[in-house]
Amino acid sequence: MFLILSCVGSLKAQRKTFFSKSEFGLNVGQMYYLGDLNKFKPFYQSNWSGGMMYRYNLQPRFTLRFNYLYGKVEAYDKESSNPLFVNRNLEFRSVIHEVAGGVEFHYVPFTFGKGNKNAGTVYLLAQLGMFHMNPKAVYNNELVALQPMSTEGQATSIGTRKPYHLYQVCMPLGMGAKFSIGNKLTLNFDLAIRKTFTDYLDDVGSATYANAKVIGKEISTTAAHLSNRSLDGSKYGVRGNPSTKDWYVYAGMTIAFRLGSEKTCFY
């Protein structure tokens, strides 16, 4: 009797599926670096970046998020307002490839649809990822990869450290805002700083200069010149700050579309 009455009543409900909870999106924004060659300036030498994102909405407050990001970071001592850094005369640029996964926590429960009261929210982002870097500098009008140059004596008889790895771990941490556009699209803006565990995103980690003669003999004359580019040729200047790690930041916009719709069930 209960089943008959339920069918006669034609009550409807929406059942969520894997695809109705899934989103795929494309993002575009700006990326910049913070480290020994840029300690404080936000968006200094920022570059256009972009990537892809997959999001799985576990429930209105929690979302799993995975993304690939491509960008570029760079900095130049010659543009500094500090004469000590201008004299140091270092520079670098590096392409970044990043993959990361983690969670979004929504301050307001988020649901799709214009008619929903909670079709917009702000959120916190926490992820764990890996990125590939390859710092380079211009020398004699050529772009030279710095890691094989052992500019701080790595892999030489005077080296106290091993060569750094070009693949590194990062932790994207940030916040953003997300809005539903109808029942299929979302638009979000976020800013996340990438905590890294390397001091060599810019190829600068040591406080002092290595012996350029040894580097020239054991690596190359190009490596010797790149190890100390100071304008006054001093061997005793400060090269970097070994007590801090490098960071990079991404701020951007993402447009994502839902891969499926809820199925209508009749009870």
C-alpha atoms as a PDB file:
ATOM      1  CA  MET A   1       0.000   0.000   0.000  1.00  0.00           C
ATOM      2  CA  PHE A   2       2.881   2.383   0.812  1.00  0.00           C
ATOM      3  CA  LEU A   3       4.537   1.754  -2.573  1.00  0.00           C
ATOM      4  CA  ILE A   4       1.262   2.312  -4.413  1.00  0.00           C
ATOM      5  CA  LEU A   5       0.607   5.595  -2.620  1.00  0.00           C
ATOM      6  CA  SER A   6       4.177   6.717  -3.291  1.00  0.00           C
ATOM      7  CA  CYS A   7       3.875   6.069  -7.005  1.00  0.00           C
ATOM      8  CA  VAL A   8       0.499   7.788  -7.197  1.00  0.00           C
ATOM      9  CA  GLY A   9       1.968  10.830  -5.433  1.00  0.00           C
ATOM     10  CA  SER A  10       4.687  11.124  -8.136  1.00  0.00           C
ATOM     11  CA  LEU A  11       7.199  12.585  -5.688  1.00  0.00           C
ATOM     12  CA  LYS A  12      10.525  13.404  -7.376  1.00  0.00           C
ATOM     13  CA  ALA A  13      14.093  13.650  -6.021  1.00  0.00           C
ATOM     14  CA  GLN A  14      17.502  14.287  -7.552  1.00  0.00           C
ATOM     15  CA  ARG A  15      20.168  11.596  -7.168  1.00  0.00           C
ATOM     16  CA  LYS A  16      23.746  12.785  -7.527  1.00  0.00           C
ATOM     17  CA  THR A  17      26.122  10.744  -9.668  1.00  0.00           C
ATOM     18  CA  PHE A  18      29.904  10.676 -10.047  1.00  0.00           C
ATOM     19  CA  PHE A  19      29.721  12.898 -13.127  1.00  0.00           C
ATOM     20  CA  SER A  20      27.237  15.322 -11.584  1.00  0.00           C
ATOM     21  CA  LYS A  21      29.745  15.857  -8.764  1.00  0.00           C
ATOM     22  CA  SER A  22      32.681  16.266 -11.160  1.00  0.00           C
ATOM     23  CA  GLU A  23      33.944  19.431 -12.854  1.00  0.00           C
ATOM     24  CA  PHE A  24      36.633  20.062 -15.446  1.00  0.00           C
ATOM     25  CA  GLY A  25      38.031  23.544 -15.937  1.00  0.00           C
ATOM     26  CA  LEU A  26      40.632  25.740 -17.586  1.00  0.00           C
ATOM     27  CA  ASN A  27      42.412  28.524 -15.752  1.00  0.00           C
ATOM     28  CA  VAL A  28      44.500  31.559 -16.642  1.00  0.00           C
ATOM     29  CA  GLY A  29      46.344  34.026 -14.424  1.00  0.00           C
ATOM     30  CA  GLN A  30      49.676  35.466 -13.295  1.00  0.00           C
ATOM     31  CA  MET A  31      52.668  33.801 -11.621  1.00  0.00           C
ATOM     32  CA  TYR A  32      55.593  35.433  -9.798  1.00  0.00           C
ATOM     33  CA  TYR A  33      58.455  34.496  -7.491  1.00  0.00           C
ATOM     34  CA  LEU A  34      59.662  35.414  -3.989  1.00  0.00           C
ATOM     35  CA  GLY A  35      63.207  34.643  -2.880  1.00  0.00           C
ATOM     36  CA  ASP A  36      66.755  35.980  -2.764  1.00  0.00           C
ATOM     37  CA  LEU A  37      66.267  38.086  -5.904  1.00  0.00           C
ATOM     38  CA  ASN A  38      62.812  39.381  -4.942  1.00  0.00           C
ATOM     39  CA  LYS A  39      62.103  39.454  -1.251  1.00  0.00           C
ATOM     40  CA  PHE A  40      58.961  41.553  -0.978  1.00  0.00           C
ATOM     41  CA  LYS A  41      57.494  42.865  -4.266  1.00  0.00           C
ATOM     42  CA  PRO A  42      54.154  41.204  -5.124  1.00  0.00           C
ATOM     43  CA  PHE A  43      53.643  40.539  -8.848  1.00  0.00           C
ATOM     44  CA  TYR A  44      57.223  41.618  -9.650  1.00  0.00           C
ATOM     45  CA  GLN A  45      58.100  40.275 -13.126  1.00  0.00           C
ATOM     46  CA  SER A  46      54.860  38.268 -13.140  1.00  0.00           C
ATOM     47  CA  ASN A  47      54.060  36.200 -16.226  1.00  0.00           C
ATOM     48  CA  TRP A  48      50.903  34.822 -17.769  1.00  0.00           C
ATOM     49  CA  SER A  49      50.227  31.251 -16.700  1.00  0.00           C
ATOM     50  CA  GLY A  50      47.525  28.676 -17.271  1.00  0.00           C
ATOM     51  CA  GLY A  51      46.455  25.120 -16.789  1.00  0.00           C
ATOM     52  CA  MET A  52      43.703  22.573 -16.209  1.00  0.00           C
ATOM     53  CA  MET A  53      41.681  21.564 -13.157  1.00  0.00           C
ATOM     54  CA  TYR A  54      39.513  18.630 -12.071  1.00  0.00           C
ATOM     55  CA  ARG A  55      37.203  19.048  -9.099  1.00  0.00           C
ATOM     56  CA  TYR A  56      35.055  16.462  -7.282  1.00  0.00           C
ATOM     57  CA  ASN A  57      32.396  17.912  -4.988  1.00  0.00           C
ATOM     58  CA  LEU A  58      32.243  15.533  -2.047  1.00  0.00           C
ATOM     59  CA  GLN A  59      29.574  17.599  -0.321  1.00  0.00           C
ATOM     60  CA  PRO A  60      28.553  21.282  -0.130  1.00  0.00           C
ATOM     61  CA  ARG A  61      31.472  22.237   2.131  1.00  0.00           C
ATOM     62  CA  PHE A  62      34.289  20.008   0.840  1.00  0.00           C
ATOM     63  CA  THR A  63      35.699  19.560  -2.647  1.00  0.00           C
ATOM     64  CA  LEU A  64      38.642  17.515  -3.870  1.00  0.00           C
ATOM     65  CA  ARG A  65      40.720  19.493  -6.375  1.00  0.00           C
ATOM     66  CA  PHE A  66      43.522  18.406  -8.700  1.00  0.00           C
ATOM     67  CA  ASN A  67      45.288  20.709 -11.131  1.00  0.00           C
ATOM     68  CA  TYR A  68      48.119  21.077 -13.613  1.00  0.00           C
ATOM     69  CA  LEU A  69      49.733  24.506 -13.875  1.00  0.00           C
ATOM     70  CA  TYR A  70      52.222  25.910 -16.378  1.00  0.00           C
ATOM     71  CA  GLY A  71      53.997  29.206 -15.771  1.00  0.00           C
ATOM     72  CA  LYS A  72      57.242  31.139 -15.634  1.00  0.00           C
ATOM     73  CA  VAL A  73      59.100  33.006 -12.885  1.00  0.00           C
ATOM     74  CA  GLU A  74      62.053  35.383 -13.164  1.00  0.00           C
ATOM     75  CA  ALA A  75      63.976  38.153 -11.376  1.00  0.00           C
ATOM     76  CA  TYR A  76      66.896  40.502 -12.073  1.00  0.00           C
ATOM     77  CA  ASP A  77      69.245  42.226  -9.644  1.00  0.00           C
ATOM     78  CA  LYS A  78      69.836  45.049 -12.126  1.00  0.00           C
ATOM     79  CA  GLU A  79      66.256  46.216 -11.532  1.00  0.00           C
ATOM     80  CA  SER A  80      66.649  46.399  -7.745  1.00  0.00           C
ATOM     81  CA  SER A  81      66.571  49.685  -5.816  1.00  0.00           C
ATOM     82  CA  ASN A  82      69.218  48.296  -3.430  1.00  0.00           C
ATOM     83  CA  PRO A  83      72.778  49.082  -4.656  1.00  0.00           C
ATOM     84  CA  LEU A  84      74.122  45.934  -2.977  1.00  0.00           C
ATOM     85  CA  PHE A  85      71.809  43.763  -5.078  1.00  0.00           C
ATOM     86  CA  VAL A  86      72.573  45.750  -8.214  1.00  0.00           C
ATOM     87  CA  ASN A  87      76.264  45.066  -7.628  1.00  0.00           C
ATOM     88  CA  ARG A  88      75.543  41.353  -7.061  1.00  0.00           C
ATOM     89  CA  ASN A  89      74.163  41.344 -10.630  1.00  0.00           C
ATOM     90  CA  LEU A  90      72.442  37.957 -10.539  1.00  0.00           C
ATOM     91  CA  GLU A  91      69.444  36.941 -12.630  1.00  0.00           C
ATOM     92  CA  PHE A  92      67.347  33.902 -13.412  1.00  0.00           C
ATOM     93  CA  ARG A  93      64.262  32.724 -15.235  1.00  0.00           C
ATOM     94  CA  SER A  94      62.566  29.348 -14.985  1.00  0.00           C
ATOM     95  CA  VAL A  95      59.587  27.611 -16.538  1.00  0.00           C
ATOM     96  CA  ILE A  96      57.354  25.889 -13.977  1.00  0.00           C
ATOM     97  CA  HIS A  97      55.336  22.713 -14.506  1.00  0.00           C
ATOM     98  CA  GLU A  98      53.223  21.857 -11.456  1.00  0.00           C
ATOM     99  CA  VAL A  99      50.792  19.074 -10.551  1.00  0.00           C
ATOM    100  CA  ALA A 100      48.953  19.245  -7.229  1.00  0.00           C
ATOM    101  CA  GLY A 101      45.980  17.815  -5.391  1.00  0.00           C
ATOM    102  CA  GLY A 102      44.122  18.716  -2.236  1.00  0.00           C
ATOM    103  CA  VAL A 103      40.910  20.156  -0.839  1.00  0.00           C
ATOM    104  CA  GLU A 104      38.757  23.257  -0.983  1.00  0.00           C
ATOM    105  CA  PHE A 105      36.867  24.117   2.198  1.00  0.00           C
ATOM    106  CA  HIS A 106      33.819  26.319   1.567  1.00  0.00           C
ATOM    107  CA  TYR A 107      32.825  28.882   4.185  1.00  0.00           C
ATOM    108  CA  VAL A 108      29.256  28.710   2.852  1.00  0.00           C
ATOM    109  CA  PRO A 109      27.846  25.372   1.609  1.00  0.00           C
ATOM    110  CA  PHE A 110      27.982  25.483  -2.191  1.00  0.00           C
ATOM    111  CA  THR A 111      25.327  24.151  -4.593  1.00  0.00           C
ATOM    112  CA  PHE A 112      24.785  24.575  -8.325  1.00  0.00           C
ATOM    113  CA  GLY A 113      22.006  26.638  -9.847  1.00  0.00           C
ATOM    114  CA  LYS A 114      20.874  30.244 -10.081  1.00  0.00           C
ATOM    115  CA  GLY A 115      17.860  29.580  -7.887  1.00  0.00           C
ATOM    116  CA  ASN A 116      19.908  28.238  -4.999  1.00  0.00           C
ATOM    117  CA  LYS A 117      20.645  30.532  -2.092  1.00  0.00           C
ATOM    118  CA  ASN A 118      24.145  29.077  -1.761  1.00  0.00           C
ATOM    119  CA  ALA A 119      25.289  29.337  -5.400  1.00  0.00           C
ATOM    120  CA  GLY A 120      28.360  31.319  -4.347  1.00  0.00           C
ATOM    121  CA  THR A 121      30.977  30.907  -1.656  1.00  0.00           C
ATOM    122  CA  VAL A 122      34.489  31.767  -0.542  1.00  0.00           C
ATOM    123  CA  TYR A 123      36.932  29.001   0.219  1.00  0.00           C
ATOM    124  CA  LEU A 124      40.323  27.975   1.570  1.00  0.00           C
ATOM    125  CA  LEU A 125      42.649  25.900  -0.611  1.00  0.00           C
ATOM    126  CA  ALA A 126      45.255  23.436   0.683  1.00  0.00           C
ATOM    127  CA  GLN A 127      47.178  21.106  -1.641  1.00  0.00           C
ATOM    128  CA  LEU A 128      50.316  19.025  -1.923  1.00  0.00           C
ATOM    129  CA  GLY A 129      52.138  18.855  -5.232  1.00  0.00           C
ATOM    130  CA  MET A 130      55.314  18.547  -7.241  1.00  0.00           C
ATOM    131  CA  PHE A 131      56.844  20.949  -9.719  1.00  0.00           C
ATOM    132  CA  HIS A 132      59.659  20.966 -12.248  1.00  0.00           C
ATOM    133  CA  MET A 133      61.995  23.962 -12.462  1.00  0.00           C
ATOM    134  CA  ASN A 134      65.070  24.743 -14.532  1.00  0.00           C
ATOM    135  CA  PRO A 135      66.682  28.098 -13.643  1.00  0.00           C
ATOM    136  CA  LYS A 136      68.571  29.749 -16.498  1.00  0.00           C
ATOM    137  CA  ALA A 137      70.497  32.970 -17.094  1.00  0.00           C
ATOM    138  CA  VAL A 138      71.739  34.859 -20.123  1.00  0.00           C
ATOM    139  CA  TYR A 139      75.509  34.746 -20.633  1.00  0.00           C
ATOM    140  CA  ASN A 140      77.223  35.935 -23.830  1.00  0.00           C
ATOM    141  CA  ASN A 141      73.799  36.331 -25.435  1.00  0.00           C
ATOM    142  CA  GLU A 142      72.928  32.696 -24.770  1.00  0.00           C
ATOM    143  CA  LEU A 143      70.462  31.224 -22.298  1.00  0.00           C
ATOM    144  CA  VAL A 144      72.410  28.866 -20.033  1.00  0.00           C
ATOM    145  CA  ALA A 145      70.922  26.297 -17.629  1.00  0.00           C
ATOM    146  CA  LEU A 146      72.410  27.036 -14.214  1.00  0.00           C
ATOM    147  CA  GLN A 147      72.079  23.718 -12.375  1.00  0.00           C
ATOM    148  CA  PRO A 148      74.793  21.950 -14.458  1.00  0.00           C
ATOM    149  CA  MET A 149      77.103  24.944 -13.913  1.00  0.00           C
ATOM    150  CA  SER A 150      77.491  24.179 -10.174  1.00  0.00           C
ATOM    151  CA  THR A 151      77.603  27.921  -9.456  1.00  0.00           C
ATOM    152  CA  GLU A 152      78.012  27.331  -5.723  1.00  0.00           C
ATOM    153  CA  GLY A 153      80.563  24.551  -6.050  1.00  0.00           C
ATOM    154  CA  GLN A 154      78.148  21.609  -5.996  1.00  0.00           C
ATOM    155  CA  ALA A 155      79.713  18.412  -7.339  1.00  0.00           C
ATOM    156  CA  THR A 156      83.239  19.881  -7.138  1.00  0.00           C
ATOM    157  CA  SER A 157      86.124  19.262  -4.753  1.00  0.00           C
ATOM    158  CA  ILE A 158      85.078  22.319  -2.718  1.00  0.00           C
ATOM    159  CA  GLY A 159      81.392  21.500  -2.717  1.00  0.00           C
ATOM    160  CA  THR A 160      79.586  20.968   0.600  1.00  0.00           C
ATOM    161  CA  ARG A 161      76.221  20.246  -1.046  1.00  0.00           C
ATOM    162  CA  LYS A 162      74.989  17.891  -3.735  1.00  0.00           C
ATOM    163  CA  PRO A 163      73.499  19.324  -6.930  1.00  0.00           C
ATOM    164  CA  TYR A 164      69.902  20.344  -6.338  1.00  0.00           C
ATOM    165  CA  HIS A 165      67.067  18.448  -7.997  1.00  0.00           C
ATOM    166  CA  LEU A 166      64.958  20.001 -10.746  1.00  0.00           C
ATOM    167  CA  TYR A 167      61.851  18.197  -9.424  1.00  0.00           C
ATOM    168  CA  GLN A 168      60.678  19.590  -6.096  1.00  0.00           C
ATOM    169  CA  VAL A 169      57.751  19.308  -3.663  1.00  0.00           C
ATOM    170  CA  CYS A 170      55.422  22.256  -3.110  1.00  0.00           C
ATOM    171  CA  MET A 171      52.407  23.102  -0.957  1.00  0.00           C
ATOM    172  CA  PRO A 172      49.861  25.441  -2.616  1.00  0.00           C
ATOM    173  CA  LEU A 173      48.006  27.344   0.132  1.00  0.00           C
ATOM    174  CA  GLY A 174      45.464  30.059  -0.594  1.00  0.00           C
ATOM    175  CA  MET A 175      41.912  31.284  -0.752  1.00  0.00           C
ATOM    176  CA  GLY A 176      39.338  32.215  -3.354  1.00  0.00           C
ATOM    177  CA  ALA A 177      35.715  32.794  -4.334  1.00  0.00           C
ATOM    178  CA  LYS A 178      33.461  30.560  -6.435  1.00  0.00           C
ATOM    179  CA  PHE A 179      30.150  31.257  -8.169  1.00  0.00           C
ATOM    180  CA  SER A 180      27.653  29.028  -9.928  1.00  0.00           C
ATOM    181  CA  ILE A 181      26.546  30.080 -13.424  1.00  0.00           C
ATOM    182  CA  GLY A 182      23.381  28.099 -14.019  1.00  0.00           C
ATOM    183  CA  ASN A 183      23.430  24.351 -13.366  1.00  0.00           C
ATOM    184  CA  LYS A 184      26.537  23.558 -15.423  1.00  0.00           C
ATOM    185  CA  LEU A 185      29.238  26.229 -15.031  1.00  0.00           C
ATOM    186  CA  THR A 186      31.277  27.636 -12.167  1.00  0.00           C
ATOM    187  CA  LEU A 187      33.547  30.660 -12.141  1.00  0.00           C
ATOM    188  CA  ASN A 188      36.199  31.030  -9.462  1.00  0.00           C
ATOM    189  CA  PHE A 189      39.051  33.387  -8.592  1.00  0.00           C
ATOM    190  CA  ASP A 190      41.841  32.371  -6.242  1.00  0.00           C
ATOM    191  CA  LEU A 191      45.309  33.296  -5.071  1.00  0.00           C
ATOM    192  CA  ALA A 192      47.645  30.662  -3.662  1.00  0.00           C
ATOM    193  CA  ILE A 193      51.240  30.899  -2.517  1.00  0.00           C
ATOM    194  CA  ARG A 194      53.433  27.877  -3.179  1.00  0.00           C
ATOM    195  CA  LYS A 195      55.596  26.905  -0.233  1.00  0.00           C
ATOM    196  CA  THR A 196      58.627  25.051  -1.555  1.00  0.00           C
ATOM    197  CA  PHE A 197      61.363  23.110   0.199  1.00  0.00           C
ATOM    198  CA  THR A 198      64.227  24.319  -1.975  1.00  0.00           C
ATOM    199  CA  ASP A 199      66.366  27.443  -1.929  1.00  0.00           C
ATOM    200  CA  TYR A 200      67.415  26.936  -5.547  1.00  0.00           C
ATOM    201  CA  LEU A 201      64.415  27.991  -7.586  1.00  0.00           C
ATOM    202  CA  ASP A 202      66.633  31.001  -8.402  1.00  0.00           C
ATOM    203  CA  ASP A 203      69.934  29.018  -8.258  1.00  0.00           C
ATOM    204  CA  VAL A 204      70.942  31.079  -5.194  1.00  0.00           C
ATOM    205  CA  GLY A 205      71.289  29.328  -1.843  1.00  0.00           C
ATOM    206  CA  SER A 206      74.707  30.001  -0.325  1.00  0.00           C
ATOM    207  CA  ALA A 207      75.613  33.108   1.670  1.00  0.00           C
ATOM    208  CA  THR A 208      79.114  33.291   0.143  1.00  0.00           C
ATOM    209  CA  TYR A 209      80.717  32.884  -3.262  1.00  0.00           C
ATOM    210  CA  ALA A 210      82.464  29.644  -4.146  1.00  0.00           C
ATOM    211  CA  ASN A 211      86.033  29.613  -5.465  1.00  0.00           C
ATOM    212  CA  ALA A 212      85.606  30.539  -9.136  1.00  0.00           C
ATOM    213  CA  LYS A 213      89.056  29.163 -10.046  1.00  0.00           C
ATOM    214  CA  VAL A 214      88.113  25.678  -8.864  1.00  0.00           C
ATOM    215  CA  ILE A 215      84.758  25.852 -10.639  1.00  0.00           C
ATOM    216  CA  GLY A 216      86.484  27.003 -13.826  1.00  0.00           C
ATOM    217  CA  LYS A 217      88.968  24.151 -13.653  1.00  0.00           C
ATOM    218  CA  GLU A 218      86.529  21.374 -12.745  1.00  0.00           C
ATOM    219  CA  ILE A 219      83.360  22.529 -14.581  1.00  0.00           C
ATOM    220  CA  SER A 220      83.994  25.224 -17.215  1.00  0.00           C
ATOM    221  CA  THR A 221      85.021  28.854 -17.668  1.00  0.00           C
ATOM    222  CA  THR A 222      81.365  29.724 -18.278  1.00  0.00           C
ATOM    223  CA  ALA A 223      80.467  28.209 -14.917  1.00  0.00           C
ATOM    224  CA  ALA A 224      83.221  30.236 -13.250  1.00  0.00           C
ATOM    225  CA  HIS A 225      81.842  33.499 -14.652  1.00  0.00           C
ATOM    226  CA  LEU A 226      78.269  32.613 -13.679  1.00  0.00           C
ATOM    227  CA  SER A 227      79.268  31.754 -10.098  1.00  0.00           C
ATOM    228  CA  ASN A 228      80.229  35.375  -9.372  1.00  0.00           C
ATOM    229  CA  ARG A 229      78.755  38.075 -11.591  1.00  0.00           C
ATOM    230  CA  SER A 230      79.297  40.959  -9.181  1.00  0.00           C
ATOM    231  CA  LEU A 231      80.095  44.244 -10.896  1.00  0.00           C
ATOM    232  CA  ASP A 232      83.056  45.006  -8.616  1.00  0.00           C
ATOM    233  CA  GLY A 233      84.424  41.454  -8.854  1.00  0.00           C
ATOM    234  CA  SER A 234      84.467  41.036  -5.068  1.00  0.00           C
ATOM    235  CA  LYS A 235      84.945  37.511  -3.736  1.00  0.00           C
ATOM    236  CA  TYR A 236      83.552  38.385  -0.323  1.00  0.00           C
ATOM    237  CA  GLY A 237      80.103  39.782  -1.065  1.00  0.00           C
ATOM    238  CA  VAL A 238      76.857  38.224   0.125  1.00  0.00           C
ATOM    239  CA  ARG A 239      75.383  35.902  -2.494  1.00  0.00           C
ATOM    240  CA  GLY A 240      72.145  34.729  -0.829  1.00  0.00           C
ATOM    241  CA  ASN A 241      70.312  33.787   2.368  1.00  0.00           C
ATOM    242  CA  PRO A 242      70.569  30.053   3.171  1.00  0.00           C
ATOM    243  CA  SER A 243      68.105  30.335   6.080  1.00  0.00           C
ATOM    244  CA  THR A 244      65.058  30.872   3.844  1.00  0.00           C
ATOM    245  CA  LYS A 245      63.390  28.890   1.073  1.00  0.00           C
ATOM    246  CA  ASP A 246      61.981  30.166  -2.212  1.00  0.00           C
ATOM    247  CA  TRP A 247      58.282  30.628  -2.977  1.00  0.00           C
ATOM    248  CA  TYR A 248      56.169  31.280  -6.032  1.00  0.00           C
ATOM    249  CA  VAL A 249      52.623  32.591  -6.249  1.00  0.00           C
ATOM    250  CA  TYR A 250      49.763  32.067  -8.679  1.00  0.00           C
ATOM    251  CA  ALA A 251      46.635  34.234  -8.926  1.00  0.00           C
ATOM    252  CA  GLY A 252      44.048  33.422 -11.530  1.00  0.00           C
ATOM    253  CA  MET A 253      40.551  32.700 -12.789  1.00  0.00           C
ATOM    254  CA  THR A 254      39.025  29.314 -13.607  1.00  0.00           C
ATOM    255  CA  ILE A 255      35.961  28.461 -15.668  1.00  0.00           C
ATOM    256  CA  ALA A 256      34.741  24.913 -15.055  1.00  0.00           C
ATOM    257  CA  PHE A 257      31.813  22.899 -16.342  1.00  0.00           C
ATOM    258  CA  ARG A 258      30.026  20.043 -14.646  1.00  0.00           C
ATOM    259  CA  LEU A 259      30.476  16.712 -16.426  1.00  0.00           C
ATOM    260  CA  GLY A 260      26.962  15.454 -15.736  1.00  0.00           C
ATOM    261  CA  SER A 261      23.558  16.175 -14.208  1.00  0.00           C
ATOM    262  CA  GLU A 262      21.637  14.637 -11.319  1.00  0.00           C
ATOM    263  CA  LYS A 263      19.313  11.792 -12.232  1.00  0.00           C
ATOM    264  CA  THR A 264      15.641  12.214 -11.449  1.00  0.00           C
ATOM    265  CA  CYS A 265      14.191   9.466  -9.256  1.00  0.00           C
ATOM    266  CA  PHE A 266      10.489   8.804  -8.616  1.00  0.00           C
ATOM    267  CA  TYR A 267       9.306   7.454  -5.305  1.00  0.00           C
END
